[in-house]
Amino acid sequence: MGERAAAARGWAVLSAVVPALVLAATACGGGGGGGRSPAAPSPGSAGRPAEAAGPPVPTAERLEEAALRDGARIGGPGGTYEIGVPLLEGPSEDFLEYRADRAVCQPLVSLARGATGEDPAAEVNREAVLGEGIGQRQVSVQLRSYGSGGAARVLAALREAGTACAGGFVEERGVAEARYRSVEPLEAPDLGDEAVAYRLRIEDVKDRELVLTEYLTVVRSGATTLSFRLEAFSLDDPGGVPRELVAAQWDAFTRAGAGPGA
């Protein structure tokens, strides 16, 4: 499913567990990776239309070969993530109702088919999960291929959104609204032709005093984007998309022949 589809589950979990956290506190007395700036593509990609002169657009089958293996375990300083395949491969009707109140901000909400005007030709999804319950962290991983320069336009749209929507915006979810307080650019991974990374601060849909922190990293290689959205089901800042997870997906992508020089 699209990367924002999991958010509904996260907000539901948060709404259920926050009262318990507050009671417990009362009883007790109470980046995304090293590399170049997200503001510019890599030197090797400057001035060249990588997609126009590159290989054919990867098919869904090719992206499936390049995706992280179902059941794989990827560890790092923060713990071990287990890779799984989402039950739903496509965005649900409810998910497609998730819209930014300003069109320029929509790429920060989702890049899935039907969510923006730039539809991918093919898309493959994975979920990386760490922990359970209130302490759970989940990273939605998408590999998407585009034709006719679409992937480069997606990165350009993300950069525009990061600037235009830095002060926040509203995500409309049918009968509810989620308010983004801020969109902060981070140092992006030094991978592919270009990459961007952001920290997103989002208010709970029921209690605006409760704020979650999410992270979004997107890497472009030719006609393909690799997207990582980290969601934490607690009020703690999860500290960015794990570098080990990004590196593992990039390695799988290049080993499958879907990356540079494919």
C-alpha atoms as a PDB file:
ATOM      1  CA  MET A   1       0.000   0.000   0.000  1.00  0.00           C
ATOM      2  CA  GLY A   2       1.071   3.653  -0.169  1.00  0.00           C
ATOM      3  CA  GLU A   3       3.357   5.053   2.513  1.00  0.00           C
ATOM      4  CA  ARG A   4       0.608   7.118   4.151  1.00  0.00           C
ATOM      5  CA  ALA A   5      -1.735   4.118   4.455  1.00  0.00           C
ATOM      6  CA  ALA A   6       0.084   2.900   7.557  1.00  0.00           C
ATOM      7  CA  ALA A   7      -0.328   6.295   9.202  1.00  0.00           C
ATOM      8  CA  ALA A   8      -3.984   5.680   9.929  1.00  0.00           C
ATOM      9  CA  ARG A   9      -3.033   2.643  11.995  1.00  0.00           C
ATOM     10  CA  GLY A  10      -0.366   4.674  13.782  1.00  0.00           C
ATOM     11  CA  TRP A  11      -2.754   7.473  14.777  1.00  0.00           C
ATOM     12  CA  ALA A  12      -5.304   4.899  15.944  1.00  0.00           C
ATOM     13  CA  VAL A  13      -2.709   3.227  18.147  1.00  0.00           C
ATOM     14  CA  LEU A  14      -1.557   6.584  19.525  1.00  0.00           C
ATOM     15  CA  SER A  15      -5.108   7.661  20.394  1.00  0.00           C
ATOM     16  CA  ALA A  16      -5.614   4.411  22.258  1.00  0.00           C
ATOM     17  CA  VAL A  17      -2.381   4.414  24.245  1.00  0.00           C
ATOM     18  CA  VAL A  18      -1.818   8.087  25.088  1.00  0.00           C
ATOM     19  CA  PRO A  19      -4.363   8.156  27.950  1.00  0.00           C
ATOM     20  CA  ALA A  20      -2.486   5.261  29.535  1.00  0.00           C
ATOM     21  CA  LEU A  21       0.809   7.099  29.114  1.00  0.00           C
ATOM     22  CA  VAL A  22      -0.604  10.206  30.739  1.00  0.00           C
ATOM     23  CA  LEU A  23      -1.942   8.216  33.694  1.00  0.00           C
ATOM     24  CA  ALA A  24       1.389   6.461  34.107  1.00  0.00           C
ATOM     25  CA  ALA A  25       3.264   9.734  34.062  1.00  0.00           C
ATOM     26  CA  THR A  26       0.903  11.205  36.670  1.00  0.00           C
ATOM     27  CA  ALA A  27       1.343   8.198  38.909  1.00  0.00           C
ATOM     28  CA  CYS A  28       5.094   8.547  38.709  1.00  0.00           C
ATOM     29  CA  GLY A  29       5.031  12.218  39.541  1.00  0.00           C
ATOM     30  CA  GLY A  30       5.486  13.234  36.650  1.00  0.00           C
ATOM     31  CA  GLY A  31      18.787  11.949   9.305  1.00  0.00           C
ATOM     32  CA  GLY A  32      18.585  10.727   7.585  1.00  0.00           C
ATOM     33  CA  GLY A  33      22.065   9.514   6.694  1.00  0.00           C
ATOM     34  CA  GLY A  34      25.332  11.198   5.888  1.00  0.00           C
ATOM     35  CA  GLY A  35      25.829  12.750   2.480  1.00  0.00           C
ATOM     36  CA  ARG A  36      25.070  15.742   0.351  1.00  0.00           C
ATOM     37  CA  SER A  37      22.476  18.402   1.075  1.00  0.00           C
ATOM     38  CA  PRO A  38      18.926  17.637  -0.153  1.00  0.00           C
ATOM     39  CA  ALA A  39      18.962  20.993  -1.935  1.00  0.00           C
ATOM     40  CA  ALA A  40      21.046  19.740  -4.855  1.00  0.00           C
ATOM     41  CA  PRO A  41      21.518  16.597  -6.977  1.00  0.00           C
ATOM     42  CA  SER A  42      24.828  14.771  -7.066  1.00  0.00           C
ATOM     43  CA  PRO A  43      27.556  16.354  -9.194  1.00  0.00           C
ATOM     44  CA  GLY A  44      27.425  13.466 -11.644  1.00  0.00           C
ATOM     45  CA  SER A  45      23.763  14.136 -12.420  1.00  0.00           C
ATOM     46  CA  ALA A  46      24.025  17.903 -12.932  1.00  0.00           C
ATOM     47  CA  GLY A  47      22.872  18.986 -16.369  1.00  0.00           C
ATOM     48  CA  ARG A  48      22.099  15.515 -17.729  1.00  0.00           C
ATOM     49  CA  PRO A  49      18.630  14.000 -18.217  1.00  0.00           C
ATOM     50  CA  ALA A  50      19.424  10.640 -16.591  1.00  0.00           C
ATOM     51  CA  GLU A  51      16.054   9.127 -17.437  1.00  0.00           C
ATOM     52  CA  ALA A  52      15.878  10.267 -21.057  1.00  0.00           C
ATOM     53  CA  ALA A  53      19.209   8.630 -21.918  1.00  0.00           C
ATOM     54  CA  GLY A  54      19.005   5.771 -19.453  1.00  0.00           C
ATOM     55  CA  PRO A  55      17.754   2.169 -19.572  1.00  0.00           C
ATOM     56  CA  PRO A  56      14.109   1.116 -20.045  1.00  0.00           C
ATOM     57  CA  VAL A  57      11.703   1.873 -17.195  1.00  0.00           C
ATOM     58  CA  PRO A  58      11.855  -1.048 -14.691  1.00  0.00           C
ATOM     59  CA  THR A  59       8.735  -3.221 -14.630  1.00  0.00           C
ATOM     60  CA  ALA A  60       6.950  -4.374 -11.469  1.00  0.00           C
ATOM     61  CA  GLU A  61       8.687  -7.736 -11.835  1.00  0.00           C
ATOM     62  CA  ARG A  62      12.090  -6.047 -11.988  1.00  0.00           C
ATOM     63  CA  LEU A  63      11.290  -3.908  -8.950  1.00  0.00           C
ATOM     64  CA  GLU A  64      10.130  -7.006  -7.054  1.00  0.00           C
ATOM     65  CA  GLU A  65      13.526  -8.594  -7.691  1.00  0.00           C
ATOM     66  CA  ALA A  66      15.205  -5.416  -6.438  1.00  0.00           C
ATOM     67  CA  ALA A  67      13.124  -5.069  -3.247  1.00  0.00           C
ATOM     68  CA  LEU A  68      14.133  -6.255   0.210  1.00  0.00           C
ATOM     69  CA  ARG A  69      13.399  -9.942   0.778  1.00  0.00           C
ATOM     70  CA  ASP A  70      10.257 -10.817   2.728  1.00  0.00           C
ATOM     71  CA  GLY A  71      11.284 -12.095   6.165  1.00  0.00           C
ATOM     72  CA  ALA A  72      14.749 -10.522   6.078  1.00  0.00           C
ATOM     73  CA  ARG A  73      16.070  -8.975   9.280  1.00  0.00           C
ATOM     74  CA  ILE A  74      18.144  -5.781   9.156  1.00  0.00           C
ATOM     75  CA  GLY A  75      19.855  -4.662  12.330  1.00  0.00           C
ATOM     76  CA  GLY A  76      21.538  -1.512  13.504  1.00  0.00           C
ATOM     77  CA  PRO A  77      22.267   0.481  16.672  1.00  0.00           C
ATOM     78  CA  GLY A  78      18.542   1.133  17.159  1.00  0.00           C
ATOM     79  CA  GLY A  79      17.468  -2.507  16.898  1.00  0.00           C
ATOM     80  CA  THR A  80      16.507  -5.065  14.269  1.00  0.00           C
ATOM     81  CA  TYR A  81      13.802  -4.419  11.672  1.00  0.00           C
ATOM     82  CA  GLU A  82      11.889  -7.322  10.137  1.00  0.00           C
ATOM     83  CA  ILE A  83      10.883  -6.998   6.492  1.00  0.00           C
ATOM     84  CA  GLY A  84       7.387  -7.924   5.357  1.00  0.00           C
ATOM     85  CA  VAL A  85       5.067  -7.519   2.368  1.00  0.00           C
ATOM     86  CA  PRO A  86       1.956  -5.391   3.043  1.00  0.00           C
ATOM     87  CA  LEU A  87      -1.356  -7.250   2.833  1.00  0.00           C
ATOM     88  CA  LEU A  88      -2.669  -4.636   0.400  1.00  0.00           C
ATOM     89  CA  GLU A  89      -0.453  -3.724  -2.540  1.00  0.00           C
ATOM     90  CA  GLY A  90      -2.506  -0.762  -3.706  1.00  0.00           C
ATOM     91  CA  PRO A  91      -3.864   2.330  -1.916  1.00  0.00           C
ATOM     92  CA  SER A  92      -7.350   1.954  -0.475  1.00  0.00           C
ATOM     93  CA  GLU A  93     -10.199   4.321  -1.283  1.00  0.00           C
ATOM     94  CA  ASP A  94      -9.932   5.782   2.222  1.00  0.00           C
ATOM     95  CA  PHE A  95      -6.216   6.346   1.750  1.00  0.00           C
ATOM     96  CA  LEU A  96      -6.781   8.251  -1.489  1.00  0.00           C
ATOM     97  CA  GLU A  97      -8.856  10.732   0.514  1.00  0.00           C
ATOM     98  CA  TYR A  98      -5.668  11.831   2.313  1.00  0.00           C
ATOM     99  CA  ARG A  99      -5.014  15.182   0.662  1.00  0.00           C
ATOM    100  CA  ALA A 100      -2.887  18.194   1.518  1.00  0.00           C
ATOM    101  CA  ASP A 101      -4.885  21.407   1.738  1.00  0.00           C
ATOM    102  CA  ARG A 102      -2.361  22.892  -0.698  1.00  0.00           C
ATOM    103  CA  ALA A 103      -1.469  20.934  -3.836  1.00  0.00           C
ATOM    104  CA  VAL A 104       2.201  21.896  -3.559  1.00  0.00           C
ATOM    105  CA  CYS A 105       2.408  19.965  -0.253  1.00  0.00           C
ATOM    106  CA  GLN A 106       0.843  16.739  -1.591  1.00  0.00           C
ATOM    107  CA  PRO A 107       4.162  14.973  -2.391  1.00  0.00           C
ATOM    108  CA  LEU A 108       4.934  15.037   1.354  1.00  0.00           C
ATOM    109  CA  VAL A 109       1.666  13.186   2.037  1.00  0.00           C
ATOM    110  CA  SER A 110       2.137  10.426  -0.530  1.00  0.00           C
ATOM    111  CA  LEU A 111       3.697   9.556  -3.868  1.00  0.00           C
ATOM    112  CA  ALA A 112       1.496   6.499  -4.471  1.00  0.00           C
ATOM    113  CA  ARG A 113      -0.498   6.023  -7.673  1.00  0.00           C
ATOM    114  CA  GLY A 114      -3.545   8.274  -7.620  1.00  0.00           C
ATOM    115  CA  ALA A 115      -2.242  10.490  -4.821  1.00  0.00           C
ATOM    116  CA  THR A 116      -0.481  13.050  -7.030  1.00  0.00           C
ATOM    117  CA  GLY A 117      -0.471  13.963 -10.706  1.00  0.00           C
ATOM    118  CA  GLU A 118       2.774  11.999 -11.234  1.00  0.00           C
ATOM    119  CA  ASP A 119       1.719   8.339 -11.324  1.00  0.00           C
ATOM    120  CA  PRO A 120       4.418   5.653 -11.280  1.00  0.00           C
ATOM    121  CA  ALA A 121       4.518   3.080 -14.073  1.00  0.00           C
ATOM    122  CA  ALA A 122       5.184   0.353 -11.487  1.00  0.00           C
ATOM    123  CA  GLU A 123       5.374   0.167  -7.694  1.00  0.00           C
ATOM    124  CA  VAL A 124       6.522  -2.433  -5.156  1.00  0.00           C
ATOM    125  CA  ASN A 125       6.009  -2.135  -1.398  1.00  0.00           C
ATOM    126  CA  ARG A 126       7.722  -3.426   1.717  1.00  0.00           C
ATOM    127  CA  GLU A 127       7.267  -2.771   5.453  1.00  0.00           C
ATOM    128  CA  ALA A 128      10.126  -2.797   7.943  1.00  0.00           C
ATOM    129  CA  VAL A 129       8.895  -3.185  11.532  1.00  0.00           C
ATOM    130  CA  LEU A 130      10.764  -2.807  14.813  1.00  0.00           C
ATOM    131  CA  GLY A 131       9.106  -3.714  18.129  1.00  0.00           C
ATOM    132  CA  GLU A 132       5.434  -3.956  19.047  1.00  0.00           C
ATOM    133  CA  GLY A 133       2.662  -1.821  20.530  1.00  0.00           C
ATOM    134  CA  ILE A 134       3.442   1.693  21.738  1.00  0.00           C
ATOM    135  CA  GLY A 135       7.157   1.253  21.122  1.00  0.00           C
ATOM    136  CA  GLN A 136       6.751   0.052  17.544  1.00  0.00           C
ATOM    137  CA  ARG A 137       8.485   1.777  14.673  1.00  0.00           C
ATOM    138  CA  GLN A 138       7.588   1.122  11.071  1.00  0.00           C
ATOM    139  CA  VAL A 139       9.284   2.124   7.843  1.00  0.00           C
ATOM    140  CA  SER A 140       7.244   1.972   4.652  1.00  0.00           C
ATOM    141  CA  VAL A 141       9.569   1.245   1.728  1.00  0.00           C
ATOM    142  CA  GLN A 142       8.495   1.800  -1.882  1.00  0.00           C
ATOM    143  CA  LEU A 143      10.310   1.246  -5.156  1.00  0.00           C
ATOM    144  CA  ARG A 144       8.605   3.184  -7.962  1.00  0.00           C
ATOM    145  CA  SER A 145       9.542   3.499 -11.625  1.00  0.00           C
ATOM    146  CA  TYR A 146       8.472   6.351 -13.907  1.00  0.00           C
ATOM    147  CA  GLY A 147       8.550   7.100 -17.603  1.00  0.00           C
ATOM    148  CA  SER A 148       9.308  10.313 -19.503  1.00  0.00           C
ATOM    149  CA  GLY A 149      11.343  11.998 -16.768  1.00  0.00           C
ATOM    150  CA  GLY A 150       8.720  11.428 -14.071  1.00  0.00           C
ATOM    151  CA  ALA A 151      11.166  10.380 -11.341  1.00  0.00           C
ATOM    152  CA  ALA A 152      13.186  13.582 -11.713  1.00  0.00           C
ATOM    153  CA  ARG A 153       9.972  15.617 -11.549  1.00  0.00           C
ATOM    154  CA  VAL A 154       9.002  13.795  -8.340  1.00  0.00           C
ATOM    155  CA  LEU A 155      12.255  14.872  -6.669  1.00  0.00           C
ATOM    156  CA  ALA A 156      11.778  18.425  -7.921  1.00  0.00           C
ATOM    157  CA  ALA A 157       8.236  18.446  -6.493  1.00  0.00           C
ATOM    158  CA  LEU A 158       9.511  17.180  -3.149  1.00  0.00           C
ATOM    159  CA  ARG A 159      12.083  19.958  -2.975  1.00  0.00           C
ATOM    160  CA  GLU A 160       9.430  22.534  -3.819  1.00  0.00           C
ATOM    161  CA  ALA A 161       7.140  21.095  -1.138  1.00  0.00           C
ATOM    162  CA  GLY A 162       9.939  21.134   1.427  1.00  0.00           C
ATOM    163  CA  THR A 163      10.369  24.871   0.875  1.00  0.00           C
ATOM    164  CA  ALA A 164       6.759  25.966   0.333  1.00  0.00           C
ATOM    165  CA  CYS A 165       5.369  23.846   3.188  1.00  0.00           C
ATOM    166  CA  ALA A 166       8.154  24.332   5.754  1.00  0.00           C
ATOM    167  CA  GLY A 167       5.808  26.243   8.058  1.00  0.00           C
ATOM    168  CA  GLY A 168       3.236  23.463   8.038  1.00  0.00           C
ATOM    169  CA  PHE A 169       0.034  22.478   6.255  1.00  0.00           C
ATOM    170  CA  VAL A 170      -3.129  20.444   6.818  1.00  0.00           C
ATOM    171  CA  GLU A 171      -3.637  16.856   5.694  1.00  0.00           C
ATOM    172  CA  GLU A 172      -7.332  16.245   5.098  1.00  0.00           C
ATOM    173  CA  ARG A 173      -8.428  12.707   5.955  1.00  0.00           C
ATOM    174  CA  GLY A 174     -12.080  12.583   5.015  1.00  0.00           C
ATOM    175  CA  VAL A 175     -13.797  13.506   8.288  1.00  0.00           C
ATOM    176  CA  ALA A 176     -10.579  14.353  10.166  1.00  0.00           C
ATOM    177  CA  GLU A 177      -7.578  16.632   9.759  1.00  0.00           C
ATOM    178  CA  ALA A 178      -3.927  16.114  10.651  1.00  0.00           C
ATOM    179  CA  ARG A 179      -1.915  19.309  11.027  1.00  0.00           C
ATOM    180  CA  TYR A 180       1.733  19.296  10.033  1.00  0.00           C
ATOM    181  CA  ARG A 181       3.501  21.783  12.282  1.00  0.00           C
ATOM    182  CA  SER A 182       6.740  21.830  10.313  1.00  0.00           C
ATOM    183  CA  VAL A 183       8.716  20.268   7.472  1.00  0.00           C
ATOM    184  CA  GLU A 184      12.470  20.363   8.084  1.00  0.00           C
ATOM    185  CA  PRO A 185      15.064  19.403   5.406  1.00  0.00           C
ATOM    186  CA  LEU A 186      17.809  17.036   6.537  1.00  0.00           C
ATOM    187  CA  GLU A 187      21.072  15.818   5.087  1.00  0.00           C
ATOM    188  CA  ALA A 188      20.181  13.144   2.532  1.00  0.00           C
ATOM    189  CA  PRO A 189      22.008   9.888   1.702  1.00  0.00           C
ATOM    190  CA  ASP A 190      24.801  10.200  -0.848  1.00  0.00           C
ATOM    191  CA  LEU A 191      23.214   7.629  -3.171  1.00  0.00           C
ATOM    192  CA  GLY A 192      21.814   7.531  -6.677  1.00  0.00           C
ATOM    193  CA  ASP A 193      21.444  10.581  -8.906  1.00  0.00           C
ATOM    194  CA  GLU A 194      19.869  12.717  -6.174  1.00  0.00           C
ATOM    195  CA  ALA A 195      18.123  12.383  -2.819  1.00  0.00           C
ATOM    196  CA  VAL A 196      16.051  14.369  -0.312  1.00  0.00           C
ATOM    197  CA  ALA A 197      15.259  13.847   3.369  1.00  0.00           C
ATOM    198  CA  TYR A 198      12.794  15.562   5.727  1.00  0.00           C
ATOM    199  CA  ARG A 199      11.629  15.546   9.330  1.00  0.00           C
ATOM    200  CA  LEU A 200       7.839  15.976   9.658  1.00  0.00           C
ATOM    201  CA  ARG A 201       6.120  17.065  12.872  1.00  0.00           C
ATOM    202  CA  ILE A 202       2.415  16.101  12.858  1.00  0.00           C
ATOM    203  CA  GLU A 203      -0.308  16.786  15.415  1.00  0.00           C
ATOM    204  CA  ASP A 204      -2.609  14.014  16.588  1.00  0.00           C
ATOM    205  CA  VAL A 205      -6.002  14.201  14.887  1.00  0.00           C
ATOM    206  CA  LYS A 206      -7.837  14.193  18.251  1.00  0.00           C
ATOM    207  CA  ASP A 207      -5.462  16.078  20.528  1.00  0.00           C
ATOM    208  CA  ARG A 208      -3.374  18.855  18.984  1.00  0.00           C
ATOM    209  CA  GLU A 209      -1.103  18.932  22.035  1.00  0.00           C
ATOM    210  CA  LEU A 210       0.220  15.495  21.049  1.00  0.00           C
ATOM    211  CA  VAL A 211       2.766  15.601  18.247  1.00  0.00           C
ATOM    212  CA  LEU A 212       4.416  12.718  16.399  1.00  0.00           C
ATOM    213  CA  THR A 213       7.654  12.895  14.434  1.00  0.00           C
ATOM    214  CA  GLU A 214       7.982  11.176  11.074  1.00  0.00           C
ATOM    215  CA  TYR A 215      10.873  10.997   8.617  1.00  0.00           C
ATOM    216  CA  LEU A 216      10.799  10.811   4.827  1.00  0.00           C
ATOM    217  CA  THR A 217      13.794   9.949   2.638  1.00  0.00           C
ATOM    218  CA  VAL A 218      13.586   9.542  -1.149  1.00  0.00           C
ATOM    219  CA  VAL A 219      16.473   8.511  -3.417  1.00  0.00           C
ATOM    220  CA  ARG A 220      16.311   8.668  -7.216  1.00  0.00           C
ATOM    221  CA  SER A 221      18.357   6.441  -9.525  1.00  0.00           C
ATOM    222  CA  GLY A 222      17.516   6.996 -13.175  1.00  0.00           C
ATOM    223  CA  ALA A 223      13.811   6.297 -13.702  1.00  0.00           C
ATOM    224  CA  THR A 224      13.290   4.804 -10.213  1.00  0.00           C
ATOM    225  CA  THR A 225      12.712   6.263  -6.760  1.00  0.00           C
ATOM    226  CA  LEU A 226      13.361   4.492  -3.465  1.00  0.00           C
ATOM    227  CA  SER A 227      11.156   5.964  -0.738  1.00  0.00           C
ATOM    228  CA  PHE A 228      11.425   5.420   3.033  1.00  0.00           C
ATOM    229  CA  ARG A 229       8.878   6.819   5.518  1.00  0.00           C
ATOM    230  CA  LEU A 230       9.519   6.160   9.212  1.00  0.00           C
ATOM    231  CA  GLU A 231       6.535   6.279  11.561  1.00  0.00           C
ATOM    232  CA  ALA A 232       6.822   5.853  15.335  1.00  0.00           C
ATOM    233  CA  PHE A 233       3.751   5.014  17.403  1.00  0.00           C
ATOM    234  CA  SER A 234       5.013   6.939  20.422  1.00  0.00           C
ATOM    235  CA  LEU A 235       5.703  10.578  21.211  1.00  0.00           C
ATOM    236  CA  ASP A 236       9.472  10.025  21.150  1.00  0.00           C
ATOM    237  CA  ASP A 237      11.477  11.291  18.189  1.00  0.00           C
ATOM    238  CA  PRO A 238      12.584   8.081  16.407  1.00  0.00           C
ATOM    239  CA  GLY A 239      15.739   9.780  15.142  1.00  0.00           C
ATOM    240  CA  GLY A 240      15.511   9.347  11.382  1.00  0.00           C
ATOM    241  CA  VAL A 241      15.258   6.589   8.792  1.00  0.00           C
ATOM    242  CA  PRO A 242      17.845   3.920   9.763  1.00  0.00           C
ATOM    243  CA  ARG A 243      20.956   4.169   7.599  1.00  0.00           C
ATOM    244  CA  GLU A 244      21.307   0.384   7.660  1.00  0.00           C
ATOM    245  CA  LEU A 245      17.838  -0.043   6.142  1.00  0.00           C
ATOM    246  CA  VAL A 246      18.506   2.458   3.347  1.00  0.00           C
ATOM    247  CA  ALA A 247      21.879   0.839   2.634  1.00  0.00           C
ATOM    248  CA  ALA A 248      20.369  -2.659   2.551  1.00  0.00           C
ATOM    249  CA  GLN A 249      17.661  -1.632   0.098  1.00  0.00           C
ATOM    250  CA  TRP A 250      20.170   0.215  -2.081  1.00  0.00           C
ATOM    251  CA  ASP A 251      22.423  -2.850  -2.144  1.00  0.00           C
ATOM    252  CA  ALA A 252      19.499  -5.111  -3.121  1.00  0.00           C
ATOM    253  CA  PHE A 253      18.477  -2.606  -5.783  1.00  0.00           C
ATOM    254  CA  THR A 254      21.924  -2.448  -7.380  1.00  0.00           C
ATOM    255  CA  ARG A 255      22.611  -6.199  -7.067  1.00  0.00           C
ATOM    256  CA  ALA A 256      19.369  -6.921  -8.945  1.00  0.00           C
ATOM    257  CA  GLY A 257      20.628  -4.841 -11.849  1.00  0.00           C
ATOM    258  CA  ALA A 258      17.938  -2.187 -11.394  1.00  0.00           C
ATOM    259  CA  GLY A 259      20.358   0.509 -10.301  1.00  0.00           C
ATOM    260  CA  PRO A 260      23.083   2.510 -12.062  1.00  0.00           C
ATOM    261  CA  GLY A 261      24.189   1.066 -15.377  1.00  0.00           C
ATOM    262  CA  ALA A 262      21.235  -1.352 -15.604  1.00  0.00           C
END
